[in-house]
PDB file of N, CA and C in Angstrom:
ATOM      1  N   MET A   1     -18.777 -19.736 -29.696  1.00  0.00           N
ATOM      2  CA  MET A   1     -18.618 -18.337 -29.355  1.00  0.00           C
ATOM      3  C   MET A   1     -18.004 -17.562 -30.518  1.00  0.00           C
ATOM      4  N   LEU A   2     -17.040 -18.148 -31.188  1.00  0.00           N
ATOM      5  CA  LEU A   2     -16.415 -17.483 -32.329  1.00  0.00           C
ATOM      6  C   LEU A   2     -17.428 -17.261 -33.448  1.00  0.00           C
ATOM      7  N   PHE A   3     -18.332 -18.236 -33.628  1.00  0.00           N
ATOM      8  CA  PHE A   3     -19.370 -18.096 -34.647  1.00  0.00           C
ATOM      9  C   PHE A   3     -20.303 -16.935 -34.311  1.00  0.00           C
ATOM     10  N   ASN A   4     -20.656 -16.778 -33.042  1.00  0.00           N
ATOM     11  CA  ASN A   4     -21.537 -15.684 -32.629  1.00  0.00           C
ATOM     12  C   ASN A   4     -20.902 -14.332 -32.892  1.00  0.00           C
ATOM     13  N   ILE A   5     -19.629 -14.206 -32.629  1.00  0.00           N
ATOM     14  CA  ILE A   5     -18.919 -12.945 -32.870  1.00  0.00           C
ATOM     15  C   ILE A   5     -18.858 -12.650 -34.370  1.00  0.00           C
ATOM     16  N   ALA A   6     -18.558 -13.667 -35.166  1.00  0.00           N
ATOM     17  CA  ALA A   6     -18.485 -13.482 -36.618  1.00  0.00           C
ATOM     18  C   ALA A   6     -19.855 -13.110 -37.183  1.00  0.00           C
ATOM     19  N   ALA A   7     -20.899 -13.782 -36.705  1.00  0.00           N
ATOM     20  CA  ALA A   7     -22.252 -13.476 -37.192  1.00  0.00           C
ATOM     21  C   ALA A   7     -22.651 -12.059 -36.797  1.00  0.00           C
ATOM     22  N   GLY A   8     -22.327 -11.650 -35.574  1.00  0.00           N
ATOM     23  CA  GLY A   8     -22.640 -10.292 -35.134  1.00  0.00           C
ATOM     24  C   GLY A   8     -21.915  -9.245 -35.953  1.00  0.00           C
ATOM     25  N   LEU A   9     -20.635  -9.480 -36.227  1.00  0.00           N
ATOM     26  CA  LEU A   9     -19.878  -8.541 -37.057  1.00  0.00           C
ATOM     27  C   LEU A   9     -20.441  -8.463 -38.470  1.00  0.00           C
ATOM     28  N   LEU A  10     -20.841  -9.593 -38.995  1.00  0.00           N
ATOM     29  CA  LEU A  10     -21.427  -9.613 -40.337  1.00  0.00           C
ATOM     30  C   LEU A  10     -22.737  -8.831 -40.376  1.00  0.00           C
ATOM     31  N   ILE A  11     -23.585  -9.039 -39.401  1.00  0.00           N
ATOM     32  CA  ILE A  11     -24.878  -8.348 -39.362  1.00  0.00           C
ATOM     33  C   ILE A  11     -24.691  -6.846 -39.179  1.00  0.00           C
ATOM     34  N   PHE A  12     -23.873  -6.451 -38.208  1.00  0.00           N
ATOM     35  CA  PHE A  12     -23.668  -5.019 -37.969  1.00  0.00           C
ATOM     36  C   PHE A  12     -22.891  -4.360 -39.102  1.00  0.00           C
ATOM     37  N   GLY A  13     -21.983  -5.076 -39.729  1.00  0.00           N
ATOM     38  CA  GLY A  13     -21.251  -4.529 -40.867  1.00  0.00           C
ATOM     39  C   GLY A  13     -22.159  -4.265 -42.049  1.00  0.00           C
ATOM     40  N   TYR A  14     -23.060  -5.211 -42.330  1.00  0.00           N
ATOM     41  CA  TYR A  14     -23.997  -5.032 -43.438  1.00  0.00           C
ATOM     42  C   TYR A  14     -24.963  -3.895 -43.152  1.00  0.00           C
ATOM     43  N   SER A  15     -25.451  -3.798 -41.906  1.00  0.00           N
ATOM     44  CA  SER A  15     -26.371  -2.703 -41.592  1.00  0.00           C
ATOM     45  C   SER A  15     -25.695  -1.357 -41.722  1.00  0.00           C
ATOM     46  N   GLY A  16     -24.453  -1.249 -41.279  1.00  0.00           N
ATOM     47  CA  GLY A  16     -23.725   0.002 -41.428  1.00  0.00           C
ATOM     48  C   GLY A  16     -23.522   0.366 -42.882  1.00  0.00           C
ATOM     49  N   TRP A  17     -23.179  -0.624 -43.701  1.00  0.00           N
ATOM     50  CA  TRP A  17     -22.982  -0.377 -45.129  1.00  0.00           C
ATOM     51  C   TRP A  17     -24.289   0.075 -45.783  1.00  0.00           C
ATOM     52  N   ALA A  18     -25.404  -0.568 -45.422  1.00  0.00           N
ATOM     53  CA  ALA A  18     -26.708  -0.200 -45.998  1.00  0.00           C
ATOM     54  C   ALA A  18     -27.102   1.215 -45.591  1.00  0.00           C
ATOM     55  N   LEU A  19     -26.841   1.588 -44.343  1.00  0.00           N
ATOM     56  CA  LEU A  19     -27.180   2.941 -43.899  1.00  0.00           C
ATOM     57  C   LEU A  19     -26.336   3.995 -44.612  1.00  0.00           C
ATOM     58  N   VAL A  20     -25.058   3.731 -44.792  1.00  0.00           N
ATOM     59  CA  VAL A  20     -24.187   4.677 -45.500  1.00  0.00           C
ATOM     60  C   VAL A  20     -24.632   4.813 -46.949  1.00  0.00           C
ATOM     61  N   LYS A  21     -24.960   3.714 -47.586  1.00  0.00           N
ATOM     62  CA  LYS A  21     -25.425   3.746 -48.976  1.00  0.00           C
ATOM     63  C   LYS A  21     -26.727   4.545 -49.100  1.00  0.00           C
ATOM     64  N   TYR A  22     -27.660   4.336 -48.168  1.00  0.00           N
ATOM     65  CA  TYR A  22     -28.926   5.062 -48.177  1.00  0.00           C
ATOM     66  C   TYR A  22     -28.689   6.555 -47.961  1.00  0.00           C
ATOM     67  N   TYR A  23     -27.806   6.896 -47.031  1.00  0.00           N
ATOM     68  CA  TYR A  23     -27.519   8.300 -46.736  1.00  0.00           C
ATOM     69  C   TYR A  23     -26.908   8.998 -47.942  1.00  0.00           C
ATOM     70  N   LYS A  24     -25.976   8.342 -48.617  1.00  0.00           N
ATOM     71  CA  LYS A  24     -25.345   8.956 -49.790  1.00  0.00           C
ATOM     72  C   LYS A  24     -26.350   9.170 -50.913  1.00  0.00           C
ATOM     73  N   LYS A  25     -27.251   8.206 -51.129  1.00  0.00           N
ATOM     74  CA  LYS A  25     -28.261   8.364 -52.168  1.00  0.00           C
ATOM     75  C   LYS A  25     -29.246   9.465 -51.817  1.00  0.00           C
ATOM     76  N   SER A  26     -29.603   9.593 -50.545  1.00  0.00           N
ATOM     77  CA  SER A  26     -30.571  10.613 -50.151  1.00  0.00           C
ATOM     78  C   SER A  26     -29.989  12.012 -50.297  1.00  0.00           C
ATOM     79  N   LYS A  27     -28.683  12.160 -50.181  1.00  0.00           N
ATOM     80  CA  LYS A  27     -28.056  13.472 -50.346  1.00  0.00           C
ATOM     81  C   LYS A  27     -28.009  13.899 -51.810  1.00  0.00           C
ATOM     82  N   GLN A  28     -28.085  12.948 -52.745  1.00  0.00           N
ATOM     83  CA  GLN A  28     -28.011  13.274 -54.169  1.00  0.00           C
ATOM     84  C   GLN A  28     -29.298  13.912 -54.673  1.00  0.00           C
ATOM     85  N   GLY A  29     -30.390  13.654 -54.038  1.00  0.00           N
ATOM     86  CA  GLY A  29     -31.671  14.173 -54.495  1.00  0.00           C
ATOM     87  C   GLY A  29     -32.466  13.086 -55.176  1.00  0.00           C
ATOM     88  N   LYS A  30     -33.708  13.401 -55.453  1.00  0.00           N
ATOM     89  CA  LYS A  30     -34.640  12.405 -55.977  1.00  0.00           C
ATOM     90  C   LYS A  30     -34.234  11.886 -57.355  1.00  0.00           C
ATOM     91  N   CYS A  31     -34.016  12.757 -58.296  1.00  0.00           N
ATOM     92  CA  CYS A  31     -33.731  12.316 -59.662  1.00  0.00           C
ATOM     93  C   CYS A  31     -32.283  11.865 -59.861  1.00  0.00           C
ATOM     94  N   ALA A  32     -31.359  12.458 -59.171  1.00  0.00           N
ATOM     95  CA  ALA A  32     -29.950  12.089 -59.345  1.00  0.00           C
ATOM     96  C   ALA A  32     -29.678  10.680 -58.841  1.00  0.00           C
ATOM     97  N   ALA A  33     -30.412  10.234 -57.839  1.00  0.00           N
ATOM     98  CA  ALA A  33     -30.193   8.907 -57.268  1.00  0.00           C
ATOM     99  C   ALA A  33     -31.020   7.831 -57.959  1.00  0.00           C
ATOM    100  N   CYS A  34     -31.888   8.211 -58.857  1.00  0.00           N
ATOM    101  CA  CYS A  34     -32.772   7.250 -59.519  1.00  0.00           C
ATOM    102  C   CYS A  34     -31.983   6.375 -60.489  1.00  0.00           C
ATOM    103  N   GLU A  35     -32.352   5.107 -60.563  1.00  0.00           N
ATOM    104  CA  GLU A  35     -31.672   4.183 -61.475  1.00  0.00           C
ATOM    105  C   GLU A  35     -31.965   4.519 -62.939  1.00  0.00           C
ATOM    106  N   LEU A  36     -33.092   5.163 -63.207  1.00  0.00           N
ATOM    107  CA  LEU A  36     -33.476   5.512 -64.570  1.00  0.00           C
ATOM    108  C   LEU A  36     -33.058   6.938 -64.929  1.00  0.00           C
ATOM    109  N   ASN A  37     -32.037   7.447 -64.271  1.00  0.00           N
ATOM    110  CA  ASN A  37     -31.613   8.834 -64.415  1.00  0.00           C
ATOM    111  C   ASN A  37     -31.403   9.233 -65.878  1.00  0.00           C
ATOM    112  N   ASN A  38     -30.765   8.416 -66.670  1.00  0.00           N
ATOM    113  CA  ASN A  38     -30.462   8.778 -68.055  1.00  0.00           C
ATOM    114  C   ASN A  38     -31.625   8.559 -69.009  1.00  0.00           C
ATOM    115  N   HIS A  39     -32.625   7.800 -68.613  1.00  0.00           N
ATOM    116  CA  HIS A  39     -33.729   7.446 -69.511  1.00  0.00           C
ATOM    117  C   HIS A  39     -35.068   7.957 -68.990  1.00  0.00           C
ATOM    118  N   CYS A  40     -35.052   8.884 -68.075  1.00  0.00           N
ATOM    119  CA  CYS A  40     -36.279   9.335 -67.425  1.00  0.00           C
ATOM    120  C   CYS A  40     -36.900  10.489 -68.224  1.00  0.00           C
ATOM    121  N   ASN A  41     -38.240  10.503 -68.307  1.00  0.00           N
ATOM    122  CA  ASN A  41     -38.947  11.571 -69.018  1.00  0.00           C
ATOM    123  C   ASN A  41     -39.632  12.529 -68.071  1.00  0.00           C
ATOM    124  N   SER A  42     -39.424  12.410 -66.776  1.00  0.00           N
ATOM    125  CA  SER A  42     -40.099  13.303 -65.842  1.00  0.00           C
ATOM    126  C   SER A  42     -39.447  14.683 -65.872  1.00  0.00           C
ATOM    127  N   LYS A  43     -40.102  15.621 -65.251  1.00  0.00           N
ATOM    128  CA  LYS A  43     -39.673  17.023 -65.321  1.00  0.00           C
ATOM    129  C   LYS A  43     -38.789  17.440 -64.167  1.00  0.00           C
ATOM    130  N   CYS A  44     -38.176  16.510 -63.445  1.00  0.00           N
ATOM    131  CA  CYS A  44     -37.413  16.929 -62.274  1.00  0.00           C
ATOM    132  C   CYS A  44     -35.989  17.350 -62.611  1.00  0.00           C
ATOM    133  N   LYS A  45     -35.587  17.318 -63.829  1.00  0.00           N
ATOM    134  CA  LYS A  45     -34.227  17.758 -64.177  1.00  0.00           C
ATOM    135  C   LYS A  45     -34.207  19.212 -64.524  1.00  0.00           C
TER     136      LYS A  45
END
């Protein structure tokens, strides 16, 4: 039973962290959140 609780907390904790990370990146905009932000040649800046 303790293992089930720990596994559930781990799964829900990771999903919450992933959703928060996705939300923060989506608020930055397309080019600001891109990994190639400093080396990009596109016209979105």
